PDB file of all heavy atoms in Angstrom:
ATOM      1  N   ILE A   1     328.216 147.013 -38.604  1.00  0.00           N
ATOM      2  CA  ILE A   1     327.352 147.832 -39.482  1.00  0.00           C
ATOM      3  C   ILE A   1     326.314 146.848 -40.033  1.00  0.00           C
ATOM      4  O   ILE A   1     326.672 145.920 -40.815  1.00  0.00           O
ATOM      5  CB  ILE A   1     328.203 148.486 -40.567  1.00  0.00           C
ATOM      6  CG1 ILE A   1     329.215 149.416 -39.942  1.00  0.00           C
ATOM      7  CG2 ILE A   1     327.231 149.255 -41.550  1.00  0.00           C
ATOM      8  CD1 ILE A   1     330.205 149.988 -40.941  1.00  0.00           C
ATOM      9  N   PRO A   2     325.057 146.974 -39.630  1.00  0.00           N
ATOM     10  CA  PRO A   2     324.034 145.989 -40.066  1.00  0.00           C
ATOM     11  C   PRO A   2     323.992 145.692 -41.545  1.00  0.00           C
ATOM     12  O   PRO A   2     323.870 144.541 -41.970  1.00  0.00           O
ATOM     13  CB  PRO A   2     322.722 146.601 -39.516  1.00  0.00           C
ATOM     14  CG  PRO A   2     323.136 147.373 -38.312  1.00  0.00           C
ATOM     15  CD  PRO A   2     324.486 147.975 -38.749  1.00  0.00           C
ATOM     16  N   GLU A   3     324.106 146.721 -42.362  1.00  0.00           N
ATOM     17  CA  GLU A   3     324.039 146.512 -43.831  1.00  0.00           C
ATOM     18  C   GLU A   3     325.193 145.632 -44.310  1.00  0.00           C
ATOM     19  O   GLU A   3     324.998 144.766 -45.133  1.00  0.00           O
ATOM     20  CB  GLU A   3     324.105 147.892 -44.526  1.00  0.00           C
ATOM     21  CG  GLU A   3     323.872 147.717 -46.043  1.00  0.00           C
ATOM     22  CD  GLU A   3     323.795 149.055 -46.701  1.00  0.00           C
ATOM     23  OE1 GLU A   3     323.196 150.028 -46.119  1.00  0.00           O
ATOM     24  OE2 GLU A   3     324.342 149.233 -47.809  1.00  0.00           O
ATOM     25  N   ASP A   4     326.364 145.768 -43.688  1.00  0.00           N
ATOM     26  CA  ASP A   4     327.494 144.872 -44.073  1.00  0.00           C
ATOM     27  C   ASP A   4     327.224 143.414 -43.703  1.00  0.00           C
ATOM     28  O   ASP A   4     327.490 142.523 -44.488  1.00  0.00           O
ATOM     29  CB  ASP A   4     328.768 145.317 -43.385  1.00  0.00           C
ATOM     30  CG  ASP A   4     329.252 146.684 -43.946  1.00  0.00           C
ATOM     31  OD1 ASP A   4     328.751 147.201 -44.975  1.00  0.00           O
ATOM     32  OD2 ASP A   4     330.195 147.232 -43.243  1.00  0.00           O
ATOM     33  N   VAL A   5     326.649 143.219 -42.542  1.00  0.00           N
ATOM     34  CA  VAL A   5     326.267 141.806 -42.116  1.00  0.00           C
ATOM     35  C   VAL A   5     325.216 141.252 -43.057  1.00  0.00           C
ATOM     36  O   VAL A   5     325.325 140.106 -43.507  1.00  0.00           O
ATOM     37  CB  VAL A   5     325.850 141.780 -40.685  1.00  0.00           C
ATOM     38  CG1 VAL A   5     325.303 140.409 -40.289  1.00  0.00           C
ATOM     39  CG2 VAL A   5     327.018 142.205 -39.688  1.00  0.00           C
ATOM     40  N   SER A   6     324.201 142.060 -43.377  1.00  0.00           N
ATOM     41  CA  SER A   6     323.135 141.641 -44.268  1.00  0.00           C
ATOM     42  C   SER A   6     323.757 141.250 -45.671  1.00  0.00           C
ATOM     43  O   SER A   6     323.373 140.219 -46.233  1.00  0.00           O
ATOM     44  CB  SER A   6     322.143 142.770 -44.500  1.00  0.00           C
ATOM     45  OG  SER A   6     321.482 143.009 -43.298  1.00  0.00           O
ATOM     46  N   ASN A   7     324.694 142.016 -46.126  1.00  0.00           N
ATOM     47  CA  ASN A   7     325.298 141.689 -47.426  1.00  0.00           C
ATOM     48  C   ASN A   7     326.091 140.426 -47.386  1.00  0.00           C
ATOM     49  O   ASN A   7     326.076 139.604 -48.358  1.00  0.00           O
ATOM     50  CB  ASN A   7     326.242 142.863 -47.887  1.00  0.00           C
ATOM     51  CG  ASN A   7     325.453 144.041 -48.314  1.00  0.00           C
ATOM     52  OD1 ASN A   7     324.260 143.969 -48.635  1.00  0.00           O
ATOM     53  ND2 ASN A   7     326.069 145.232 -48.230  1.00  0.00           N
ATOM     54  N   LEU A   8     326.810 140.154 -46.273  1.00  0.00           N
ATOM     55  CA  LEU A   8     327.557 138.902 -46.119  1.00  0.00           C
ATOM     56  C   LEU A   8     326.645 137.720 -46.036  1.00  0.00           C
ATOM     57  O   LEU A   8     326.919 136.661 -46.605  1.00  0.00           O
ATOM     58  CB  LEU A   8     328.446 138.972 -44.868  1.00  0.00           C
ATOM     59  CG  LEU A   8     329.691 139.811 -44.950  1.00  0.00           C
ATOM     60  CD1 LEU A   8     330.344 139.956 -43.595  1.00  0.00           C
ATOM     61  CD2 LEU A   8     330.699 139.176 -45.947  1.00  0.00           C
ATOM     62  N   LEU A   9     325.566 137.810 -45.250  1.00  0.00           N
ATOM     63  CA  LEU A   9     324.705 136.691 -44.985  1.00  0.00           C
ATOM     64  C   LEU A   9     323.611 136.483 -46.081  1.00  0.00           C
ATOM     65  O   LEU A   9     323.062 135.380 -46.230  1.00  0.00           O
ATOM     66  CB  LEU A   9     324.030 136.802 -43.667  1.00  0.00           C
ATOM     67  CG  LEU A   9     324.947 136.647 -42.474  1.00  0.00           C
ATOM     68  CD1 LEU A   9     324.194 136.883 -41.123  1.00  0.00           C
ATOM     69  CD2 LEU A   9     325.626 135.295 -42.442  1.00  0.00           C
ATOM     70  N   GLY A  10     323.332 137.536 -46.848  1.00  0.00           N
ATOM     71  CA  GLY A  10     322.334 137.444 -47.870  1.00  0.00           C
ATOM     72  C   GLY A  10     320.869 137.566 -47.448  1.00  0.00           C
ATOM     73  O   GLY A  10     319.958 137.071 -48.087  1.00  0.00           O
ATOM     74  N   ALA A  11     320.699 138.257 -46.289  1.00  0.00           N
ATOM     75  CA  ALA A  11     319.338 138.438 -45.781  1.00  0.00           C
ATOM     76  C   ALA A  11     319.265 139.683 -44.942  1.00  0.00           C
ATOM     77  O   ALA A  11     320.263 140.142 -44.375  1.00  0.00           O
ATOM     78  CB  ALA A  11     318.896 137.270 -44.921  1.00  0.00           C
ATOM     79  N   LYS A  12     318.077 140.255 -44.815  1.00  0.00           N
ATOM     80  CA  LYS A  12     317.815 141.393 -44.030  1.00  0.00           C
ATOM     81  C   LYS A  12     317.489 140.926 -42.562  1.00  0.00           C
ATOM     82  O   LYS A  12     316.861 139.874 -42.358  1.00  0.00           O
ATOM     83  CB  LYS A  12     316.685 142.233 -44.553  1.00  0.00           C
ATOM     84  CG  LYS A  12     316.937 142.758 -45.964  1.00  0.00           C
ATOM     85  CD  LYS A  12     316.916 144.265 -45.931  1.00  0.00           C
ATOM     86  CE  LYS A  12     317.122 144.770 -47.377  1.00  0.00           C
ATOM     87  NZ  LYS A  12     318.365 145.394 -47.534  1.00  0.00           N
ATOM     88  N   PRO A  13     317.883 141.679 -41.559  1.00  0.00           N
ATOM     89  CA  PRO A  13     317.592 141.304 -40.206  1.00  0.00           C
ATOM     90  C   PRO A  13     316.143 141.572 -39.801  1.00  0.00           C
ATOM     91  O   PRO A  13     315.489 142.442 -40.386  1.00  0.00           O
ATOM     92  CB  PRO A  13     318.512 142.206 -39.361  1.00  0.00           C
ATOM     93  CG  PRO A  13     318.648 143.394 -40.164  1.00  0.00           C
ATOM     94  CD  PRO A  13     318.638 142.910 -41.601  1.00  0.00           C
ATOM     95  N   THR A  14     315.699 140.948 -38.731  1.00  0.00           N
ATOM     96  CA  THR A  14     314.420 141.267 -38.158  1.00  0.00           C
ATOM     97  C   THR A  14     314.550 142.645 -37.411  1.00  0.00           C
ATOM     98  O   THR A  14     313.626 143.435 -37.419  1.00  0.00           O
ATOM     99  CB  THR A  14     313.996 140.213 -37.171  1.00  0.00           C
ATOM    100  OG1 THR A  14     313.981 138.921 -37.807  1.00  0.00           O
ATOM    101  CG2 THR A  14     312.590 140.432 -36.578  1.00  0.00           C
ATOM    102  N   LYS A  15     315.641 142.785 -36.777  1.00  0.00           N
ATOM    103  CA  LYS A  15     315.987 144.077 -36.143  1.00  0.00           C
ATOM    104  C   LYS A  15     317.546 144.206 -36.059  1.00  0.00           C
ATOM    105  O   LYS A  15     318.255 143.247 -36.078  1.00  0.00           O
ATOM    106  CB  LYS A  15     315.360 144.191 -34.766  1.00  0.00           C
ATOM    107  CG  LYS A  15     315.952 143.343 -33.665  1.00  0.00           C
ATOM    108  CD  LYS A  15     315.242 143.632 -32.369  1.00  0.00           C
ATOM    109  CE  LYS A  15     315.949 142.920 -31.218  1.00  0.00           C
ATOM    110  NZ  LYS A  15     315.496 143.220 -29.894  1.00  0.00           N
ATOM    111  N   SER A  16     317.952 145.471 -36.029  1.00  0.00           N
ATOM    112  CA  SER A  16     319.376 145.725 -36.005  1.00  0.00           C
ATOM    113  C   SER A  16     319.581 147.139 -35.461  1.00  0.00           C
ATOM    114  O   SER A  16     318.695 147.960 -35.447  1.00  0.00           O
ATOM    115  CB  SER A  16     320.027 145.609 -37.395  1.00  0.00           C
ATOM    116  OG  SER A  16     319.501 146.562 -38.272  1.00  0.00           O
ATOM    117  N   LYS A  17     320.861 147.377 -35.057  1.00  0.00           N
ATOM    118  CA  LYS A  17     321.245 148.726 -34.610  1.00  0.00           C
ATOM    119  C   LYS A  17     322.761 148.827 -34.674  1.00  0.00           C
ATOM    120  O   LYS A  17     323.444 147.842 -34.605  1.00  0.00           O
ATOM    121  CB  LYS A  17     320.710 149.032 -33.267  1.00  0.00           C
ATOM    122  CG  LYS A  17     321.227 148.107 -32.184  1.00  0.00           C
ATOM    123  CD  LYS A  17     320.535 148.387 -30.866  1.00  0.00           C
ATOM    124  CE  LYS A  17     320.969 147.214 -29.883  1.00  0.00           C
ATOM    125  NZ  LYS A  17     319.822 146.767 -29.160  1.00  0.00           N
ATOM    126  N   MET A  18     323.232 150.114 -34.736  1.00  0.00           N
ATOM    127  CA  MET A  18     324.648 150.343 -34.592  1.00  0.00           C
ATOM    128  C   MET A  18     324.913 150.895 -33.241  1.00  0.00           C
ATOM    129  O   MET A  18     324.049 151.485 -32.573  1.00  0.00           O
ATOM    130  CB  MET A  18     325.072 151.376 -35.659  1.00  0.00           C
ATOM    131  CG  MET A  18     325.026 150.824 -37.073  1.00  0.00           C
ATOM    132  SD  MET A  18     325.439 152.062 -38.412  1.00  0.00           S
ATOM    133  CE  MET A  18     327.036 152.548 -37.834  1.00  0.00           C
ATOM    134  N   LYS A  19     326.147 150.706 -32.751  1.00  0.00           N
ATOM    135  CA  LYS A  19     326.592 151.261 -31.527  1.00  0.00           C
ATOM    136  C   LYS A  19     326.293 152.795 -31.549  1.00  0.00           C
ATOM    137  O   LYS A  19     326.611 153.461 -32.527  1.00  0.00           O
ATOM    138  CB  LYS A  19     328.073 151.017 -31.253  1.00  0.00           C
ATOM    139  CG  LYS A  19     328.616 151.507 -29.960  1.00  0.00           C
ATOM    140  CD  LYS A  19     329.992 151.161 -29.762  1.00  0.00           C
ATOM    141  CE  LYS A  19     330.494 151.739 -28.378  1.00  0.00           C
ATOM    142  NZ  LYS A  19     331.872 151.246 -28.122  1.00  0.00           N
ATOM    143  N   GLY A  20     325.678 153.297 -30.477  1.00  0.00           N
ATOM    144  CA  GLY A  20     325.406 154.668 -30.392  1.00  0.00           C
ATOM    145  C   GLY A  20     324.026 155.064 -30.892  1.00  0.00           C
ATOM    146  O   GLY A  20     323.531 156.197 -30.618  1.00  0.00           O
ATOM    147  N   ASP A  21     323.264 154.117 -31.551  1.00  0.00           N
ATOM    148  CA  ASP A  21     321.887 154.438 -31.958  1.00  0.00           C
ATOM    149  C   ASP A  21     321.025 154.601 -30.721  1.00  0.00           C
ATOM    150  O   ASP A  21     321.194 153.959 -29.698  1.00  0.00           O
ATOM    151  CB  ASP A  21     321.296 153.239 -32.810  1.00  0.00           C
ATOM    152  CG  ASP A  21     321.826 153.248 -34.208  1.00  0.00           C
ATOM    153  OD1 ASP A  21     322.508 154.225 -34.607  1.00  0.00           O
ATOM    154  OD2 ASP A  21     321.581 152.293 -34.935  1.00  0.00           O
ATOM    155  N   GLU A  22     320.017 155.436 -30.816  1.00  0.00           N
ATOM    156  CA  GLU A  22     319.032 155.626 -29.820  1.00  0.00           C
ATOM    157  C   GLU A  22     317.983 154.520 -29.896  1.00  0.00           C
ATOM    158  O   GLU A  22     317.573 154.152 -31.009  1.00  0.00           O
ATOM    159  CB  GLU A  22     318.312 157.004 -29.921  1.00  0.00           C
ATOM    160  CG  GLU A  22     319.175 158.149 -29.539  1.00  0.00           C
ATOM    161  CD  GLU A  22     318.378 159.438 -29.452  1.00  0.00           C
ATOM    162  OE1 GLU A  22     317.192 159.488 -29.816  1.00  0.00           O
ATOM    163  OE2 GLU A  22     318.988 160.449 -29.045  1.00  0.00           O
ATOM    164  N   GLU A  23     317.621 153.989 -28.696  1.00  0.00           N
ATOM    165  CA  GLU A  23     316.599 153.003 -28.614  1.00  0.00           C
ATOM    166  C   GLU A  23     315.514 153.543 -27.647  1.00  0.00           C
ATOM    167  O   GLU A  23     315.808 154.047 -26.621  1.00  0.00           O
ATOM    168  CB  GLU A  23     317.086 151.684 -28.103  1.00  0.00           C
ATOM    169  CG  GLU A  23     318.183 151.053 -28.902  1.00  0.00           C
ATOM    170  CD  GLU A  23     318.704 149.814 -28.240  1.00  0.00           C
ATOM    171  OE1 GLU A  23     319.513 149.929 -27.328  1.00  0.00           O
ATOM    172  OE2 GLU A  23     318.337 148.703 -28.700  1.00  0.00           O
ATOM    173  N   VAL A  24     314.201 153.273 -28.036  1.00  0.00           N
ATOM    174  CA  VAL A  24     313.124 153.746 -27.192  1.00  0.00           C
ATOM    175  C   VAL A  24     312.437 152.525 -26.656  1.00  0.00           C
ATOM    176  O   VAL A  24     312.005 151.616 -27.430  1.00  0.00           O
ATOM    177  CB  VAL A  24     312.076 154.631 -27.951  1.00  0.00           C
ATOM    178  CG1 VAL A  24     310.990 155.057 -27.072  1.00  0.00           C
ATOM    179  CG2 VAL A  24     312.787 155.853 -28.575  1.00  0.00           C
ATOM    180  N   GLY A  25     312.311 152.383 -25.306  1.00  0.00           N
ATOM    181  CA  GLY A  25     311.655 151.278 -24.677  1.00  0.00           C
ATOM    182  C   GLY A  25     310.207 151.159 -25.114  1.00  0.00           C
ATOM    183  O   GLY A  25     309.498 152.156 -25.161  1.00  0.00           O
ATOM    184  N   LYS A  26     309.804 149.925 -25.422  1.00  0.00           N
ATOM    185  CA  LYS A  26     308.420 149.767 -25.933  1.00  0.00           C
ATOM    186  C   LYS A  26     307.356 150.112 -24.900  1.00  0.00           C
ATOM    187  O   LYS A  26     306.378 150.735 -25.243  1.00  0.00           O
ATOM    188  CB  LYS A  26     308.199 148.290 -26.369  1.00  0.00           C
ATOM    189  CG  LYS A  26     308.985 147.894 -27.548  1.00  0.00           C
ATOM    190  CD  LYS A  26     308.739 146.466 -27.936  1.00  0.00           C
ATOM    191  CE  LYS A  26     309.582 146.087 -29.125  1.00  0.00           C
ATOM    192  NZ  LYS A  26     309.460 144.643 -29.472  1.00  0.00           N
ATOM    193  N   THR A  27     307.595 149.730 -23.644  1.00  0.00           N
ATOM    194  CA  THR A  27     306.580 150.052 -22.595  1.00  0.00           C
ATOM    195  C   THR A  27     306.946 151.304 -21.804  1.00  0.00           C
ATOM    196  O   THR A  27     306.049 152.068 -21.459  1.00  0.00           O
ATOM    197  CB  THR A  27     306.416 148.847 -21.671  1.00  0.00           C
ATOM    198  OG1 THR A  27     307.741 148.522 -21.140  1.00  0.00           O
ATOM    199  CG2 THR A  27     305.810 147.670 -22.382  1.00  0.00           C
ATOM    200  N   SER A  28     308.222 151.499 -21.535  1.00  0.00           N
ATOM    201  CA  SER A  28     308.593 152.671 -20.721  1.00  0.00           C
ATOM    202  C   SER A  28     308.726 153.942 -21.496  1.00  0.00           C
ATOM    203  O   SER A  28     308.568 155.048 -20.905  1.00  0.00           O
ATOM    204  CB  SER A  28     309.996 152.322 -20.003  1.00  0.00           C
ATOM    205  OG  SER A  28     311.024 152.381 -21.012  1.00  0.00           O
ATOM    206  N   GLY A  29     309.047 153.810 -22.772  1.00  0.00           N
ATOM    207  CA  GLY A  29     309.277 155.059 -23.580  1.00  0.00           C
ATOM    208  C   GLY A  29     310.551 155.700 -23.328  1.00  0.00           C
ATOM    209  O   GLY A  29     310.914 156.713 -23.949  1.00  0.00           O
ATOM    210  N   LYS A  30     311.433 155.098 -22.422  1.00  0.00           N
ATOM    211  CA  LYS A  30     312.698 155.691 -22.125  1.00  0.00           C
ATOM    212  C   LYS A  30     313.646 155.504 -23.294  1.00  0.00           C
ATOM    213  O   LYS A  30     313.680 154.496 -24.009  1.00  0.00           O
ATOM    214  CB  LYS A  30     313.331 154.982 -20.917  1.00  0.00           C
ATOM    215  CG  LYS A  30     312.665 155.376 -19.609  1.00  0.00           C
ATOM    216  CD  LYS A  30     313.395 154.722 -18.418  1.00  0.00           C
ATOM    217  CE  LYS A  30     312.689 155.113 -17.159  1.00  0.00           C
ATOM    218  NZ  LYS A  30     313.422 154.575 -15.957  1.00  0.00           N
ATOM    219  N   VAL A  31     314.481 156.554 -23.524  1.00  0.00           N
ATOM    220  CA  VAL A  31     315.451 156.537 -24.551  1.00  0.00           C
ATOM    221  C   VAL A  31     316.767 156.078 -23.924  1.00  0.00           C
ATOM    222  O   VAL A  31     317.208 156.631 -22.917  1.00  0.00           O
ATOM    223  CB  VAL A  31     315.614 157.915 -25.228  1.00  0.00           C
ATOM    224  CG1 VAL A  31     316.683 157.890 -26.245  1.00  0.00           C
ATOM    225  CG2 VAL A  31     314.302 158.389 -25.796  1.00  0.00           C
ATOM    226  N   ARG A  32     317.438 155.125 -24.623  1.00  0.00           N
ATOM    227  CA  ARG A  32     318.748 154.708 -24.154  1.00  0.00           C
ATOM    228  C   ARG A  32     319.651 154.605 -25.430  1.00  0.00           C
ATOM    229  O   ARG A  32     319.146 154.473 -26.576  1.00  0.00           O
ATOM    230  CB  ARG A  32     318.738 153.486 -23.334  1.00  0.00           C
ATOM    231  CG  ARG A  32     318.354 152.271 -24.021  1.00  0.00           C
ATOM    232  CD  ARG A  32     318.448 150.984 -23.101  1.00  0.00           C
ATOM    233  NE  ARG A  32     318.419 149.776 -23.795  1.00  0.00           N
ATOM    234  CZ  ARG A  32     319.511 149.135 -24.276  1.00  0.00           C
ATOM    235  NH1 ARG A  32     320.693 149.619 -24.040  1.00  0.00           N
ATOM    236  NH2 ARG A  32     319.421 148.024 -24.903  1.00  0.00           N
ATOM    237  N   ILE A  33     320.873 154.639 -25.231  1.00  0.00           N
ATOM    238  CA  ILE A  33     321.891 154.554 -26.307  1.00  0.00           C
ATOM    239  C   ILE A  33     322.410 153.090 -26.386  1.00  0.00           C
ATOM    240  O   ILE A  33     322.834 152.518 -25.364  1.00  0.00           O
ATOM    241  CB  ILE A  33     323.071 155.535 -26.030  1.00  0.00           C
ATOM    242  CG1 ILE A  33     322.527 156.996 -25.859  1.00  0.00           C
ATOM    243  CG2 ILE A  33     324.076 155.476 -27.228  1.00  0.00           C
ATOM    244  CD1 ILE A  33     321.715 157.510 -27.083  1.00  0.00           C
ATOM    245  N   ALA A  34     322.435 152.528 -27.634  1.00  0.00           N
ATOM    246  CA  ALA A  34     322.947 151.180 -27.801  1.00  0.00           C
ATOM    247  C   ALA A  34     324.410 151.125 -27.467  1.00  0.00           C
ATOM    248  O   ALA A  34     325.224 151.893 -27.972  1.00  0.00           O
ATOM    249  CB  ALA A  34     322.734 150.757 -29.209  1.00  0.00           C
ATOM    250  N   LYS A  35     324.772 150.182 -26.590  1.00  0.00           N
ATOM    251  CA  LYS A  35     326.192 150.018 -26.082  1.00  0.00           C
ATOM    252  C   LYS A  35     326.986 149.336 -27.143  1.00  0.00           C
ATOM    253  O   LYS A  35     328.247 149.395 -27.161  1.00  0.00           O
ATOM    254  CB  LYS A  35     326.211 149.312 -24.784  1.00  0.00           C
ATOM    255  CG  LYS A  35     325.589 150.124 -23.644  1.00  0.00           C
ATOM    256  CD  LYS A  35     325.654 149.389 -22.334  1.00  0.00           C
ATOM    257  CE  LYS A  35     324.957 150.231 -21.210  1.00  0.00           C
ATOM    258  NZ  LYS A  35     324.964 149.543 -19.988  1.00  0.00           N
ATOM    259  N   THR A  36     326.365 148.556 -28.032  1.00  0.00           N
ATOM    260  CA  THR A  36     327.084 147.822 -29.117  1.00  0.00           C
ATOM    261  C   THR A  36     326.138 147.664 -30.286  1.00  0.00           C
ATOM    262  O   THR A  36     324.898 147.881 -30.158  1.00  0.00           O
ATOM    263  CB  THR A  36     327.585 146.401 -28.568  1.00  0.00           C
ATOM    264  OG1 THR A  36     328.473 145.941 -29.560  1.00  0.00           O
ATOM    265  CG2 THR A  36     326.473 145.493 -28.337  1.00  0.00           C
ATOM    266  N   GLY A  37     326.713 147.338 -31.407  1.00  0.00           N
ATOM    267  CA  GLY A  37     325.905 147.090 -32.582  1.00  0.00           C
ATOM    268  C   GLY A  37     325.330 145.676 -32.566  1.00  0.00           C
ATOM    269  O   GLY A  37     325.884 144.782 -31.897  1.00  0.00           O
ATOM    270  N   SER A  38     324.191 145.496 -33.230  1.00  0.00           N
ATOM    271  CA  SER A  38     323.624 144.162 -33.281  1.00  0.00           C
ATOM    272  C   SER A  38     322.820 143.897 -34.533  1.00  0.00           C
ATOM    273  O   SER A  38     322.339 144.838 -35.164  1.00  0.00           O
ATOM    274  CB  SER A  38     322.768 143.883 -32.048  1.00  0.00           C
ATOM    275  OG  SER A  38     321.625 144.711 -32.047  1.00  0.00           O
ATOM    276  N   TRP A  39     322.737 142.622 -34.835  1.00  0.00           N
ATOM    277  CA  TRP A  39     321.972 142.179 -36.036  1.00  0.00           C
ATOM    278  C   TRP A  39     321.219 140.877 -35.614  1.00  0.00           C
ATOM    279  O   TRP A  39     321.838 139.998 -35.078  1.00  0.00           O
ATOM    280  CB  TRP A  39     322.921 141.857 -37.148  1.00  0.00           C
ATOM    281  CG  TRP A  39     322.331 141.563 -38.513  1.00  0.00           C
ATOM    282  CD1 TRP A  39     322.281 142.461 -39.588  1.00  0.00           C
ATOM    283  CD2 TRP A  39     321.861 140.284 -39.011  1.00  0.00           C
ATOM    284  NE1 TRP A  39     321.696 141.841 -40.687  1.00  0.00           N
ATOM    285  CE2 TRP A  39     321.444 140.488 -40.344  1.00  0.00           C
ATOM    286  CE3 TRP A  39     321.691 139.028 -38.459  1.00  0.00           C
ATOM    287  CZ2 TRP A  39     320.925 139.503 -41.111  1.00  0.00           C
ATOM    288  CZ3 TRP A  39     321.149 138.059 -39.223  1.00  0.00           C
ATOM    289  CH2 TRP A  39     320.797 138.275 -40.559  1.00  0.00           C
ATOM    290  N   HIS A  40     319.913 140.888 -35.670  1.00  0.00           N
ATOM    291  CA  HIS A  40     319.101 139.779 -35.219  1.00  0.00           C
ATOM    292  C   HIS A  40     318.165 139.279 -36.359  1.00  0.00           C
ATOM    293  O   HIS A  40     317.560 140.100 -37.061  1.00  0.00           O
ATOM    294  CB  HIS A  40     318.166 140.146 -34.086  1.00  0.00           C
ATOM    295  CG  HIS A  40     318.839 140.675 -32.914  1.00  0.00           C
ATOM    296  ND1 HIS A  40     318.570 140.113 -31.665  1.00  0.00           N
ATOM    297  CD2 HIS A  40     319.745 141.598 -32.674  1.00  0.00           C
ATOM    298  CE1 HIS A  40     319.310 140.722 -30.729  1.00  0.00           C
ATOM    299  NE2 HIS A  40     320.018 141.701 -31.359  1.00  0.00           N
ATOM    300  N   LEU A  41     318.046 137.941 -36.498  1.00  0.00           N
ATOM    301  CA  LEU A  41     317.130 137.333 -37.410  1.00  0.00           C
ATOM    302  C   LEU A  41     316.266 136.338 -36.587  1.00  0.00           C
ATOM    303  O   LEU A  41     316.827 135.370 -36.090  1.00  0.00           O
ATOM    304  CB  LEU A  41     317.795 136.646 -38.587  1.00  0.00           C
ATOM    305  CG  LEU A  41     316.835 136.033 -39.659  1.00  0.00           C
ATOM    306  CD1 LEU A  41     315.947 137.071 -40.273  1.00  0.00           C
ATOM    307  CD2 LEU A  41     317.697 135.312 -40.753  1.00  0.00           C
ATOM    308  N   HIS A  42     314.974 136.628 -36.511  1.00  0.00           N
ATOM    309  CA  HIS A  42     314.070 135.847 -35.661  1.00  0.00           C
ATOM    310  C   HIS A  42     313.319 134.836 -36.543  1.00  0.00           C
ATOM    311  O   HIS A  42     312.910 135.159 -37.668  1.00  0.00           O
ATOM    312  CB  HIS A  42     313.038 136.734 -34.956  1.00  0.00           C
ATOM    313  CG  HIS A  42     313.617 137.671 -33.966  1.00  0.00           C
ATOM    314  ND1 HIS A  42     313.487 137.521 -32.668  1.00  0.00           N
ATOM    315  CD2 HIS A  42     314.432 138.783 -34.202  1.00  0.00           C
ATOM    316  CE1 HIS A  42     314.159 138.484 -32.029  1.00  0.00           C
ATOM    317  NE2 HIS A  42     314.726 139.252 -32.862  1.00  0.00           N
ATOM    318  N   ALA A  43     313.045 133.661 -35.944  1.00  0.00           N
ATOM    319  CA  ALA A  43     312.143 132.691 -36.559  1.00  0.00           C
ATOM    320  C   ALA A  43     310.756 132.964 -36.011  1.00  0.00           C
ATOM    321  O   ALA A  43     310.559 133.651 -34.985  1.00  0.00           O
ATOM    322  CB  ALA A  43     312.584 131.281 -36.174  1.00  0.00           C
TER     323      ALA A  43
END
C-alpha cells in the first residue's frame, strides 16, 4: 500500500500503484492491470 510505505520512509513517491490498479501506456494508450504493487522514488 503506497501510503503505508510513504509513512514508513517519510517521503512521497515519484510514482506508485497498488496491485490491480489500471495503468495506461504513455505511447500506446493501452490499459493494463498492475500485477503487483510498487513504490518508486526517482532522482
